[in-house]
Amino acid sequence: MMNKKKVLVTGLSGLVGTALRKDFEERYELSSFSRYGTDGIDSAHNFKGNIAELDTMVKAFEGQHTVVHLAADRSANADWESALRNNFIGVYNVYEAAKRTGVKRVVFGSSQHAIGGYYQDEPYKTILEGNLDQVKRPYKLIDETVPIRPDGYYGASKAYAEGLGSYYSEFHGISSINIRIGWTISNDDPTVAGGGLAMWLSHRDTAQIHVKAVDAPDSLMYTVVFAMSNNYWNIFSLDKARKVLGYEPQDDAGKTLNLDRELPVRDNTEYKQHEEDPDTY
């Protein structure tokens, strides 16, 4: 463990954290930061605190090379008060704690919701509605050059965090890698919805792109990339993730829906593990 990179993950018990945990445990000296602690992590690496309260975070950040920030109110419909506390203030606290403690890199769990306004446009609207027989291929993929178009306070918080990361990178020397995560699903089955076929990020591709981000050269000081699997119905370009991070997605959501299946309860973005603490997903 002495030779392993020290990596702290906020939100390790959430959907994305669960998907990457095994690979991270094998590759890094892994620590967790959460309100109630994380099952299976020894006490020396199991930090408790609140991302909305900066003073509770500093000890956990000390000595870490990289912080992977996943904790948030993940609801796409988060109200302003919750988004402000858990997402806007939370990510500021992450970067500020990183600055104060000498953390070299923050890998931020951004989201495709930062550009969710494009889902009102065709052909993306029809694809996400699952009306795939009405879509003519090929169609133009959304890439990282498009202006931000958040679809709610949650999406706006992700766009804000990408900007904040740029500031801390340029003026405080913290590498900021922002991963616009598509849709990581607890049972890894994307066929339940059009959004799954278009946005799915499989568990092993989730782990891969986060490992690529943590291990990227120190010279990579700032980037924003989309992160989905190699889906037939992808609406996002993965060219930048491939070029900048060396990401090579292994999985494909397939071409057809399975309407006999339902999305697990935990994948509803309104679901909370701890009802009073939306930052503990």
Protein backbone atom coordinates (compact mmCIF):
# COMPACT_ATOMS: atom_id res chain seq x y z
CA MET A 1 0.00 0.00 0.00
CA MET A 2 2.95 2.34 0.58
CA ASN A 3 3.54 2.60 -3.17
CA LYS A 4 -0.08 3.13 -4.13
CA LYS A 5 -1.53 6.51 -5.00
CA LYS A 6 -3.70 7.90 -2.20
CA VAL A 7 -7.22 8.56 -3.46
CA LEU A 8 -10.22 9.83 -1.51
CA VAL A 9 -13.74 9.32 -2.86
CA THR A 10 -16.77 11.25 -1.68
CA GLY A 11 -20.01 9.37 -2.27
CA LEU A 12 -18.32 5.97 -2.44
CA SER A 13 -21.55 4.23 -1.41
CA GLY A 14 -23.52 5.72 -4.30
CA LEU A 15 -24.25 4.18 -7.68
CA VAL A 16 -21.10 5.44 -9.37
CA GLY A 17 -18.94 4.88 -6.30
CA THR A 18 -20.16 1.31 -5.98
CA ALA A 19 -19.35 0.66 -9.64
CA LEU A 20 -15.76 1.85 -9.37
CA ARG A 21 -14.97 0.69 -5.84
CA LYS A 22 -13.49 -2.76 -6.59
CA ASP A 23 -11.04 -1.40 -9.17
CA PHE A 24 -10.06 1.47 -6.90
CA GLU A 25 -9.48 -0.82 -3.93
CA GLU A 26 -7.13 -2.95 -6.03
CA ARG A 27 -5.25 -0.03 -7.55
CA TYR A 28 -5.06 2.72 -4.92
CA GLU A 29 -4.84 3.39 -1.21
CA LEU A 30 -8.54 4.18 -1.04
CA SER A 31 -10.27 6.40 1.50
CA SER A 32 -13.91 7.40 1.81
CA PHE A 33 -15.60 10.60 2.97
CA SER A 34 -19.29 10.52 3.91
CA ARG A 35 -21.77 11.48 6.61
CA TYR A 36 -22.17 8.05 8.17
CA GLY A 37 -19.09 6.15 7.09
CA THR A 38 -18.71 3.50 4.39
CA ASP A 39 -19.14 -0.22 5.00
CA GLY A 40 -16.01 -2.31 4.55
CA ILE A 41 -13.51 0.56 4.86
CA ASP A 42 -11.14 0.46 7.84
CA SER A 43 -11.30 3.29 10.35
CA ALA A 44 -8.04 4.88 9.21
CA HIS A 45 -9.50 5.46 5.76
CA ASN A 46 -13.17 5.95 6.67
CA PHE A 47 -13.67 9.69 7.22
CA LYS A 48 -16.94 11.18 8.40
CA GLY A 49 -18.16 14.69 7.72
CA ASN A 50 -20.38 16.78 5.52
CA ILE A 51 -19.45 18.20 2.12
CA ALA A 52 -21.52 21.28 2.98
CA GLU A 53 -19.27 22.01 5.97
CA LEU A 54 -15.69 22.77 4.98
CA ASP A 55 -14.15 22.38 8.42
CA THR A 56 -15.26 18.73 8.56
CA MET A 57 -13.40 17.91 5.33
CA VAL A 58 -9.85 19.08 5.81
CA LYS A 59 -8.56 16.11 7.81
CA ALA A 60 -9.82 13.66 5.20
CA PHE A 61 -8.07 15.56 2.39
CA GLU A 62 -4.68 15.73 4.09
CA GLY A 63 -2.12 13.50 2.36
CA GLN A 64 -4.39 12.59 -0.56
CA HIS A 65 -3.06 12.82 -4.09
CA THR A 66 -6.49 12.82 -5.76
CA VAL A 67 -10.05 13.43 -4.62
CA VAL A 68 -12.84 11.90 -6.69
CA HIS A 69 -15.93 13.95 -5.88
CA LEU A 70 -19.20 12.09 -6.44
CA ALA A 71 -21.33 13.10 -3.43
CA ALA A 72 -24.25 15.42 -4.19
CA ASP A 73 -27.99 15.69 -4.21
CA ARG A 74 -28.27 13.61 -7.37
CA SER A 75 -31.91 14.45 -8.07
CA ALA A 76 -32.33 15.89 -11.55
CA ASN A 77 -35.22 17.85 -9.98
CA ALA A 78 -33.34 19.03 -6.89
CA ASP A 79 -34.81 22.19 -5.40
CA TRP A 80 -32.68 25.29 -5.00
CA GLU A 81 -32.01 24.94 -1.27
CA SER A 82 -30.72 21.40 -1.58
CA ALA A 83 -28.74 22.06 -4.77
CA LEU A 84 -27.17 25.13 -3.17
CA ARG A 85 -26.05 23.31 -0.03
CA ASN A 86 -25.07 19.92 -1.38
CA ASN A 87 -23.93 20.72 -4.91
CA PHE A 88 -22.86 24.35 -5.26
CA ILE A 89 -21.41 24.84 -1.78
CA GLY A 90 -20.33 21.21 -1.60
CA VAL A 91 -18.09 21.38 -4.68
CA TYR A 92 -16.64 24.73 -3.60
CA ASN A 93 -15.70 23.11 -0.29
CA VAL A 94 -14.04 20.22 -2.14
CA TYR A 95 -11.81 22.52 -4.17
CA GLU A 96 -11.08 24.78 -1.22
CA ALA A 97 -10.15 21.82 1.00
CA ALA A 98 -7.97 20.51 -1.83
CA LYS A 99 -6.19 23.87 -2.07
CA ARG A 100 -5.60 24.07 1.67
CA THR A 101 -4.21 20.53 1.93
CA GLY A 102 -2.15 20.26 -1.26
CA VAL A 103 -4.32 17.77 -3.14
CA LYS A 104 -2.95 17.51 -6.68
CA ARG A 105 -6.09 16.55 -8.60
CA VAL A 106 -9.86 16.63 -8.30
CA VAL A 107 -11.85 14.25 -10.51
CA PHE A 108 -15.35 15.64 -10.54
CA GLY A 109 -18.47 13.60 -11.22
CA SER A 110 -20.17 16.02 -13.57
CA SER A 111 -23.23 15.07 -15.60
CA GLN A 112 -24.82 15.17 -19.01
CA HIS A 113 -27.50 17.27 -17.30
CA ALA A 114 -25.12 20.23 -17.69
CA ILE A 115 -26.28 20.24 -21.32
CA GLY A 116 -29.72 18.68 -20.76
CA GLY A 117 -31.47 21.51 -22.60
CA TYR A 118 -30.46 19.81 -25.84
CA TYR A 119 -32.82 16.96 -25.02
CA GLN A 120 -35.64 19.18 -26.21
CA ASP A 121 -34.10 19.12 -29.70
CA GLU A 122 -34.36 16.43 -32.35
CA PRO A 123 -33.31 13.71 -32.78
CA TYR A 124 -32.31 13.51 -29.12
CA LYS A 125 -35.85 14.05 -27.86
CA THR A 126 -37.20 11.14 -29.90
CA ILE A 127 -34.33 8.83 -28.92
CA LEU A 128 -34.75 9.55 -25.22
CA GLU A 129 -38.49 8.94 -25.51
CA GLY A 130 -37.67 5.48 -26.88
CA ASN A 131 -39.31 6.04 -30.28
CA LEU A 132 -36.30 4.57 -32.03
CA ASP A 133 -38.12 3.53 -35.21
CA GLN A 134 -38.66 7.23 -35.94
CA VAL A 135 -34.95 8.11 -35.88
CA LYS A 136 -32.86 8.32 -39.02
CA ARG A 137 -29.21 7.42 -38.64
CA PRO A 138 -26.59 8.80 -38.74
CA TYR A 139 -27.29 11.88 -36.64
CA LYS A 140 -25.02 14.53 -35.17
CA LEU A 141 -23.52 13.67 -31.78
CA ILE A 142 -23.30 16.22 -28.99
CA ASP A 143 -19.70 17.03 -28.06
CA GLU A 144 -17.94 19.15 -25.48
CA THR A 145 -17.84 22.23 -27.72
CA VAL A 146 -21.57 22.94 -27.35
CA PRO A 147 -22.61 25.73 -24.95
CA ILE A 148 -23.95 24.62 -21.58
CA ARG A 149 -27.75 24.23 -21.41
CA PRO A 150 -28.62 22.92 -17.93
CA ASP A 151 -32.04 21.33 -17.45
CA GLY A 152 -32.46 22.25 -13.77
CA TYR A 153 -30.62 23.37 -10.66
CA TYR A 154 -28.85 20.00 -10.62
CA GLY A 155 -27.55 20.48 -14.15
CA ALA A 156 -26.64 24.08 -13.38
CA SER A 157 -24.63 22.93 -10.37
CA LYS A 158 -22.62 20.60 -12.59
CA ALA A 159 -21.91 23.35 -15.12
CA TYR A 160 -20.91 25.67 -12.25
CA ALA A 161 -18.54 23.04 -10.88
CA GLU A 162 -16.83 22.65 -14.24
CA GLY A 163 -16.20 26.41 -14.24
CA LEU A 164 -15.01 26.36 -10.65
CA GLY A 165 -12.57 23.59 -11.52
CA SER A 166 -11.13 25.75 -14.28
CA TYR A 167 -10.54 28.56 -11.78
CA TYR A 168 -8.81 26.34 -9.23
CA SER A 169 -6.73 24.77 -11.99
CA GLU A 170 -5.49 28.03 -13.52
CA PHE A 171 -5.02 30.03 -10.35
CA HIS A 172 -4.27 27.40 -7.69
CA GLY A 173 -2.56 24.63 -9.66
CA ILE A 174 -5.09 21.87 -8.95
CA SER A 175 -5.68 19.50 -11.85
CA SER A 176 -9.42 19.35 -12.56
CA ILE A 177 -10.85 16.50 -14.63
CA ASN A 178 -14.60 16.72 -15.15
CA ILE A 179 -16.44 13.60 -16.24
CA ARG A 180 -19.93 14.17 -17.63
CA ILE A 181 -21.38 10.87 -16.50
CA GLY A 182 -24.22 9.47 -18.56
CA TRP A 183 -26.29 6.92 -16.64
CA THR A 184 -24.79 4.32 -14.32
CA ILE A 185 -27.57 1.88 -13.36
CA SER A 186 -27.53 -0.28 -10.24
CA ASN A 187 -28.33 -3.56 -12.00
CA ASP A 188 -26.34 -2.58 -15.12
CA ASP A 189 -29.38 -3.06 -17.37
CA PRO A 190 -29.89 -0.09 -19.73
CA THR A 191 -32.73 -1.58 -21.79
CA VAL A 192 -35.51 -0.20 -19.58
CA ALA A 193 -35.64 3.24 -21.25
CA GLY A 194 -34.53 5.21 -24.27
CA GLY A 195 -32.29 7.20 -21.98
CA GLY A 196 -30.58 4.00 -20.96
CA LEU A 197 -29.79 3.03 -24.54
CA ALA A 198 -28.45 6.53 -25.24
CA MET A 199 -26.62 7.35 -21.99
CA TRP A 200 -25.66 4.08 -20.31
CA LEU A 201 -22.27 3.94 -18.64
CA SER A 202 -21.70 0.33 -17.64
CA HIS A 203 -20.10 -0.53 -14.33
CA ARG A 204 -16.81 -1.60 -15.87
CA ASP A 205 -16.73 1.46 -18.14
CA THR A 206 -17.52 3.62 -15.10
CA ALA A 207 -14.51 2.17 -13.32
CA GLN A 208 -12.32 2.45 -16.40
CA ILE A 209 -12.87 6.13 -17.10
CA HIS A 210 -12.39 7.12 -13.47
CA VAL A 211 -9.16 5.13 -13.30
CA LYS A 212 -8.04 6.84 -16.52
CA ALA A 213 -8.80 10.21 -14.95
CA VAL A 214 -6.94 9.48 -11.71
CA ASP A 215 -3.94 8.13 -13.64
CA ALA A 216 -3.83 10.82 -16.34
CA PRO A 217 -0.48 12.61 -16.70
CA ASP A 218 0.18 15.37 -14.20
CA SER A 219 0.41 17.74 -17.16
CA LEU A 220 -3.33 17.38 -17.78
CA MET A 221 -4.53 20.33 -15.74
CA TYR A 222 -8.10 20.72 -16.97
CA THR A 223 -10.58 18.91 -19.16
CA VAL A 224 -14.27 18.11 -19.56
CA VAL A 225 -15.29 14.84 -21.22
CA PHE A 226 -18.47 12.89 -21.82
CA ALA A 227 -18.57 9.39 -20.33
CA MET A 228 -20.90 6.78 -21.79
CA SER A 229 -20.40 3.24 -22.97
CA ASN A 230 -19.99 2.54 -26.68
CA ASN A 231 -23.74 2.54 -27.21
CA TYR A 232 -25.42 2.06 -30.58
CA TRP A 233 -27.86 4.87 -29.69
CA ASN A 234 -25.27 7.20 -28.12
CA ILE A 235 -26.13 10.87 -28.52
CA PHE A 236 -22.72 12.01 -27.22
CA SER A 237 -19.32 11.96 -28.86
CA LEU A 238 -16.66 10.01 -27.00
CA ASP A 239 -13.83 11.25 -29.21
CA LYS A 240 -12.42 13.64 -26.63
CA ALA A 241 -12.50 11.06 -23.82
CA ARG A 242 -10.65 8.65 -26.08
CA LYS A 243 -8.06 11.23 -27.15
CA VAL A 244 -7.42 12.97 -23.84
CA LEU A 245 -7.83 10.11 -21.35
CA GLY A 246 -7.29 7.02 -23.51
CA TYR A 247 -10.80 5.82 -22.65
CA GLU A 248 -11.91 2.75 -24.61
CA PRO A 249 -15.45 1.75 -23.60
CA GLN A 250 -16.06 -1.98 -23.54
CA ASP A 251 -19.84 -2.20 -23.49
CA ASP A 252 -22.85 -1.35 -25.67
CA ALA A 253 -26.42 -0.85 -24.43
CA GLY A 254 -27.78 -2.53 -27.55
CA LYS A 255 -30.39 -1.50 -30.09
CA THR A 256 -33.72 -2.39 -28.51
CA LEU A 257 -35.76 -1.70 -25.39
CA ASN A 258 -37.11 -4.35 -23.05
CA LEU A 259 -40.37 -2.86 -21.84
CA ASP A 260 -41.09 -5.88 -19.62
CA ARG A 261 -38.43 -4.69 -17.19
CA GLU A 262 -38.60 -1.82 -14.72
CA LEU A 263 -35.95 0.50 -13.38
CA PRO A 264 -34.86 -0.47 -9.84
CA VAL A 265 -36.12 1.87 -7.13
CA ARG A 266 -32.59 2.95 -6.25
CA ASP A 267 -32.09 4.36 -9.75
CA ASN A 268 -34.88 6.88 -9.34
CA THR A 269 -32.97 10.12 -8.85
CA GLU A 270 -35.35 11.07 -6.04
CA TYR A 271 -34.29 8.02 -4.00
CA LYS A 272 -32.26 8.81 -0.89
CA GLN A 273 -30.29 6.37 1.23
CA HIS A 274 -30.55 8.83 4.11
CA GLU A 275 -33.64 10.93 3.69
CA GLU A 276 -32.28 13.89 5.63
CA ASP A 277 -28.83 13.85 3.98
CA PRO A 278 -28.90 13.94 0.18
CA ASP A 279 -25.11 14.08 -0.01
CA THR A 280 -24.76 10.47 1.11
CA TYR A 281 -25.73 8.60 -2.07
